Amino acid sequence: MAMRNCKETIQARWVAVFWTMLAYGGAFMIGIIGYRLVEMGLIGDAAAELAQDSEKIMPVMVVTLLNPILAGILLSGAVSAMMSTASSQLMVASSAISEDMFANLKPQVVSEKRMLRINKWLTLLVGLFAFILAISMEDTVYGLVSYAWSGIGAAFGPAILLMLFWKKFSRHGVYASLIVGTFAAVLWKTFWGDYTGVSERLASFLLAFLAAVIFSIVYPEQK
């Protein structure tokens, strides 16, 4: 949206690819190096803490291996990135409820002042709900993110792939992919994930893909 010409689009593509590879490569390297440090006994007393929560490997490595001042700077950077992402998600969630749902359901036009007040209350409520989830859930951050992305990937993944590579894909197939993918991820994680040993990421994607194909065949797009 902010691109001024096609040249900037090409530059932005390579910047995005490079940054993504750097970020994900760094995350993998932190895990691999941290594992080796724990295995070699170089973490010290913090190994017992990591046994309880392995996701603390990054702050433990920083505090153990670096100068306290540099460690504080690096940890502040990580925490600031987390806070920035959390605040953005809060705003997106509250805006989606107020702008996309509440404003469209009201027959009369809602004033900007009232909409701002609604957004503030929704941001507070969503934040409190997220806080309660954070202190009550026993799953790891990786597990929660994986669970969330399994639903997103299962809902949108088959629809995007079929839209690109199958000419007979219909709007009914899109609806089927969105609905089946979302509910399949939740239900599979809740009831059948541990029993079958199959991840909800794979199962929900396959079910959504199958539903999208079947509904596109049964209800083809009208010409």
Protein backbone atom coordinates (compact mmCIF):
# COMPACT_ATOMS: atom_id res chain seq x y z
CA MET A 1 0.00 0.00 0.00
CA ALA A 2 2.89 2.37 0.69
CA MET A 3 4.80 1.50 -2.50
CA ARG A 4 5.33 4.43 -4.84
CA ASN A 5 6.44 2.44 -7.88
CA CYS A 6 7.22 -1.08 -9.13
CA LYS A 7 10.92 -0.70 -8.33
CA GLU A 8 10.17 -0.27 -4.63
CA THR A 9 7.98 -3.38 -4.77
CA ILE A 10 10.92 -5.46 -5.96
CA GLN A 11 13.20 -3.97 -3.30
CA ALA A 12 10.61 -4.61 -0.58
CA ARG A 13 10.25 -8.22 -1.68
CA TRP A 14 13.97 -8.91 -1.25
CA VAL A 15 14.10 -7.04 2.05
CA ALA A 16 11.18 -9.11 3.34
CA VAL A 17 12.78 -12.37 2.19
CA PHE A 18 16.15 -11.48 3.72
CA TRP A 19 14.62 -10.35 7.01
CA THR A 20 12.44 -13.46 7.27
CA MET A 21 15.41 -15.76 6.66
CA LEU A 22 17.48 -13.85 9.19
CA ALA A 23 14.75 -13.91 11.86
CA TYR A 24 13.82 -17.57 11.47
CA GLY A 25 17.44 -18.64 11.08
CA GLY A 26 18.32 -16.79 14.26
CA ALA A 27 15.47 -18.45 16.13
CA PHE A 28 16.60 -21.89 15.00
CA MET A 29 20.21 -21.14 15.95
CA ILE A 30 19.19 -19.98 19.43
CA GLY A 31 17.46 -23.29 20.01
CA ILE A 32 20.29 -25.42 18.62
CA ILE A 33 23.06 -23.51 20.43
CA GLY A 34 21.06 -23.43 23.65
CA TYR A 35 20.52 -27.16 23.49
CA ARG A 36 24.25 -27.75 23.09
CA LEU A 37 25.09 -25.37 25.93
CA VAL A 38 22.74 -27.19 28.28
CA GLU A 39 24.07 -30.55 27.13
CA MET A 40 27.66 -29.42 27.80
CA GLY A 41 26.77 -28.00 31.23
CA LEU A 42 27.73 -24.41 30.34
CA ILE A 43 24.45 -22.87 31.50
CA GLY A 44 25.07 -23.70 35.14
CA ASP A 45 22.24 -23.58 37.66
CA ALA A 46 19.83 -22.27 35.04
CA ALA A 47 19.59 -25.76 33.52
CA ALA A 48 17.06 -26.74 36.18
CA GLU A 49 14.92 -23.73 35.26
CA LEU A 50 15.07 -24.67 31.59
CA ALA A 51 13.92 -28.17 32.44
CA GLN A 52 10.66 -26.64 33.67
CA ASP A 53 10.26 -24.18 30.78
CA SER A 54 12.50 -24.61 27.74
CA GLU A 55 11.15 -21.41 26.17
CA LYS A 56 13.31 -19.40 28.59
CA ILE A 57 16.45 -20.47 26.71
CA MET A 58 16.96 -17.08 25.05
CA PRO A 59 16.90 -14.92 28.24
CA VAL A 60 18.93 -17.54 30.13
CA MET A 61 21.60 -17.55 27.40
CA VAL A 62 21.71 -13.75 27.33
CA VAL A 63 22.01 -13.37 31.09
CA THR A 64 24.54 -16.19 31.42
CA LEU A 65 26.86 -15.43 28.51
CA LEU A 66 26.81 -11.64 28.12
CA ASN A 67 27.74 -8.55 30.09
CA PRO A 68 24.82 -7.40 32.29
CA ILE A 69 24.48 -4.07 30.46
CA LEU A 70 24.44 -5.69 27.02
CA ALA A 71 22.12 -8.41 28.32
CA GLY A 72 19.69 -5.77 29.55
CA ILE A 73 19.69 -4.03 26.16
CA LEU A 74 19.04 -7.28 24.27
CA LEU A 75 16.30 -8.40 26.65
CA SER A 76 14.65 -4.97 26.45
CA GLY A 77 14.61 -5.28 22.66
CA ALA A 78 12.89 -8.66 22.83
CA VAL A 79 10.34 -7.48 25.40
CA SER A 80 9.61 -4.29 23.43
CA ALA A 81 8.93 -6.36 20.30
CA MET A 82 6.52 -8.55 22.28
CA MET A 83 4.73 -5.51 23.76
CA SER A 84 4.46 -3.85 20.34
CA THR A 85 2.92 -6.98 18.84
CA ALA A 86 0.53 -7.43 21.77
CA SER A 87 -0.67 -3.82 21.61
CA SER A 88 -1.22 -4.07 17.86
CA GLN A 89 -3.24 -7.27 18.27
CA LEU A 90 -5.37 -5.65 20.96
CA MET A 91 -6.15 -2.73 18.66
CA VAL A 92 -6.93 -5.03 15.74
CA ALA A 93 -9.27 -7.18 17.84
CA SER A 94 -11.18 -4.24 19.35
CA SER A 95 -11.41 -2.45 15.98
CA ALA A 96 -12.68 -5.59 14.26
CA ILE A 97 -15.47 -5.96 16.82
CA SER A 98 -16.48 -2.29 16.81
CA GLU A 99 -16.00 -1.39 13.13
CA ASP A 100 -16.86 -4.66 11.38
CA MET A 101 -19.55 -5.99 13.69
CA PHE A 102 -21.07 -3.32 15.93
CA ALA A 103 -21.14 -0.50 13.38
CA ASN A 104 -22.67 -2.71 10.68
CA LEU A 105 -25.34 -4.13 12.99
CA LYS A 106 -26.57 -0.72 14.12
CA PRO A 107 -29.27 0.69 11.82
CA GLN A 108 -28.25 4.31 12.47
CA VAL A 109 -24.83 5.87 12.01
CA VAL A 110 -22.69 5.78 15.16
CA SER A 111 -20.89 9.02 16.01
CA GLU A 112 -17.09 9.09 16.07
CA LYS A 113 -17.05 10.05 19.75
CA ARG A 114 -19.21 7.08 20.71
CA MET A 115 -17.21 4.73 18.47
CA LEU A 116 -14.00 5.90 20.16
CA ARG A 117 -15.51 5.19 23.59
CA ILE A 118 -16.62 1.73 22.44
CA ASN A 119 -13.13 1.03 21.12
CA LYS A 120 -11.57 1.97 24.44
CA TRP A 121 -13.86 -0.34 26.42
CA LEU A 122 -13.37 -3.18 23.96
CA THR A 123 -9.60 -2.79 24.14
CA LEU A 124 -9.79 -3.00 27.94
CA LEU A 125 -12.05 -6.08 27.86
CA VAL A 126 -9.97 -7.89 25.23
CA GLY A 127 -6.81 -7.10 27.22
CA LEU A 128 -8.33 -8.48 30.44
CA PHE A 129 -9.48 -11.59 28.62
CA ALA A 130 -6.00 -12.10 27.15
CA PHE A 131 -4.44 -11.60 30.59
CA ILE A 132 -6.72 -14.23 32.13
CA LEU A 133 -5.84 -16.66 29.35
CA ALA A 134 -2.13 -15.99 29.81
CA ILE A 135 -2.13 -16.75 33.54
CA SER A 136 -4.51 -19.70 33.37
CA MET A 137 -3.22 -21.66 30.36
CA GLU A 138 -0.59 -24.32 30.96
CA ASP A 139 0.45 -24.75 27.33
CA THR A 140 3.68 -23.23 26.00
CA VAL A 141 3.79 -20.12 23.83
CA TYR A 142 4.93 -22.32 20.95
CA GLY A 143 1.97 -24.62 21.48
CA LEU A 144 -0.52 -21.75 21.57
CA VAL A 145 0.94 -20.12 18.46
CA SER A 146 0.99 -23.45 16.66
CA TYR A 147 -2.65 -24.02 17.63
CA ALA A 148 -3.69 -20.58 16.39
CA TRP A 149 -1.81 -20.89 13.12
CA SER A 150 -3.22 -24.35 12.50
CA GLY A 151 -6.69 -22.81 12.40
CA ILE A 152 -5.60 -19.92 10.20
CA GLY A 153 -3.63 -22.16 7.86
CA ALA A 154 -6.40 -24.74 7.59
CA ALA A 155 -9.03 -22.08 6.91
CA PHE A 156 -7.20 -19.97 4.35
CA GLY A 157 -4.50 -22.32 3.02
CA PRO A 158 -6.67 -24.65 0.91
CA ALA A 159 -8.73 -21.74 -0.38
CA ILE A 160 -5.67 -19.81 -1.55
CA LEU A 161 -4.00 -22.83 -3.14
CA LEU A 162 -7.11 -23.95 -4.98
CA MET A 163 -7.89 -20.41 -6.06
CA LEU A 164 -4.45 -20.17 -7.67
CA PHE A 165 -4.20 -23.62 -9.26
CA TRP A 166 -7.77 -24.86 -9.92
CA LYS A 167 -10.05 -23.04 -12.32
CA LYS A 168 -13.19 -24.87 -11.14
CA PHE A 169 -12.83 -23.67 -7.56
CA SER A 170 -16.09 -21.96 -6.50
CA ARG A 171 -17.17 -19.58 -3.79
CA HIS A 172 -18.92 -22.44 -2.01
CA GLY A 173 -15.53 -24.12 -1.79
CA VAL A 174 -14.13 -20.98 -0.17
CA TYR A 175 -16.88 -20.99 2.44
CA ALA A 176 -16.34 -24.70 3.07
CA SER A 177 -12.59 -24.20 3.52
CA LEU A 178 -13.04 -21.34 5.99
CA ILE A 179 -15.71 -23.07 8.08
CA VAL A 180 -14.35 -26.63 8.06
CA GLY A 181 -10.74 -25.52 8.58
CA THR A 182 -11.57 -23.40 11.60
CA PHE A 183 -13.83 -25.90 13.35
CA ALA A 184 -11.66 -28.90 12.43
CA ALA A 185 -8.60 -27.33 14.08
CA VAL A 186 -10.52 -26.70 17.32
CA LEU A 187 -12.30 -30.05 17.44
CA TRP A 188 -9.26 -32.11 16.44
CA LYS A 189 -7.08 -30.42 19.04
CA THR A 190 -9.75 -30.91 21.73
CA PHE A 191 -10.94 -34.45 21.09
CA TRP A 192 -8.77 -36.44 18.68
CA GLY A 193 -5.26 -34.99 18.71
CA ASP A 194 -3.89 -37.00 21.64
CA TYR A 195 -5.89 -40.10 20.75
CA THR A 196 -4.75 -40.35 17.13
CA GLY A 197 -1.29 -38.83 17.47
CA VAL A 198 -1.98 -36.74 14.34
CA SER A 199 -1.36 -33.01 14.64
CA GLU A 200 -4.31 -30.67 14.23
CA ARG A 201 -2.23 -28.72 11.71
CA LEU A 202 -2.22 -31.63 9.28
CA ALA A 203 -5.68 -33.02 9.99
CA SER A 204 -7.55 -29.71 9.80
CA PHE A 205 -5.74 -28.71 6.58
CA LEU A 206 -6.59 -32.00 4.87
CA LEU A 207 -10.22 -31.87 5.98
CA ALA A 208 -10.61 -28.27 4.82
CA PHE A 209 -8.95 -29.07 1.50
CA LEU A 210 -11.26 -32.04 0.96
CA ALA A 211 -14.33 -29.99 1.89
CA ALA A 212 -13.32 -27.22 -0.49
CA VAL A 213 -12.92 -29.66 -3.39
CA ILE A 214 -16.21 -31.46 -2.68
CA PHE A 215 -18.26 -28.26 -2.37
CA SER A 216 -16.68 -26.84 -5.53
CA ILE A 217 -17.72 -29.95 -7.44
CA VAL A 218 -21.20 -30.18 -5.94
CA TYR A 219 -21.86 -26.43 -6.17
CA PRO A 220 -19.89 -25.16 -9.19
CA GLU A 221 -19.58 -21.48 -9.97
CA GLN A 222 -22.41 -20.25 -12.16
CA LYS A 223 -21.25 -18.67 -15.42
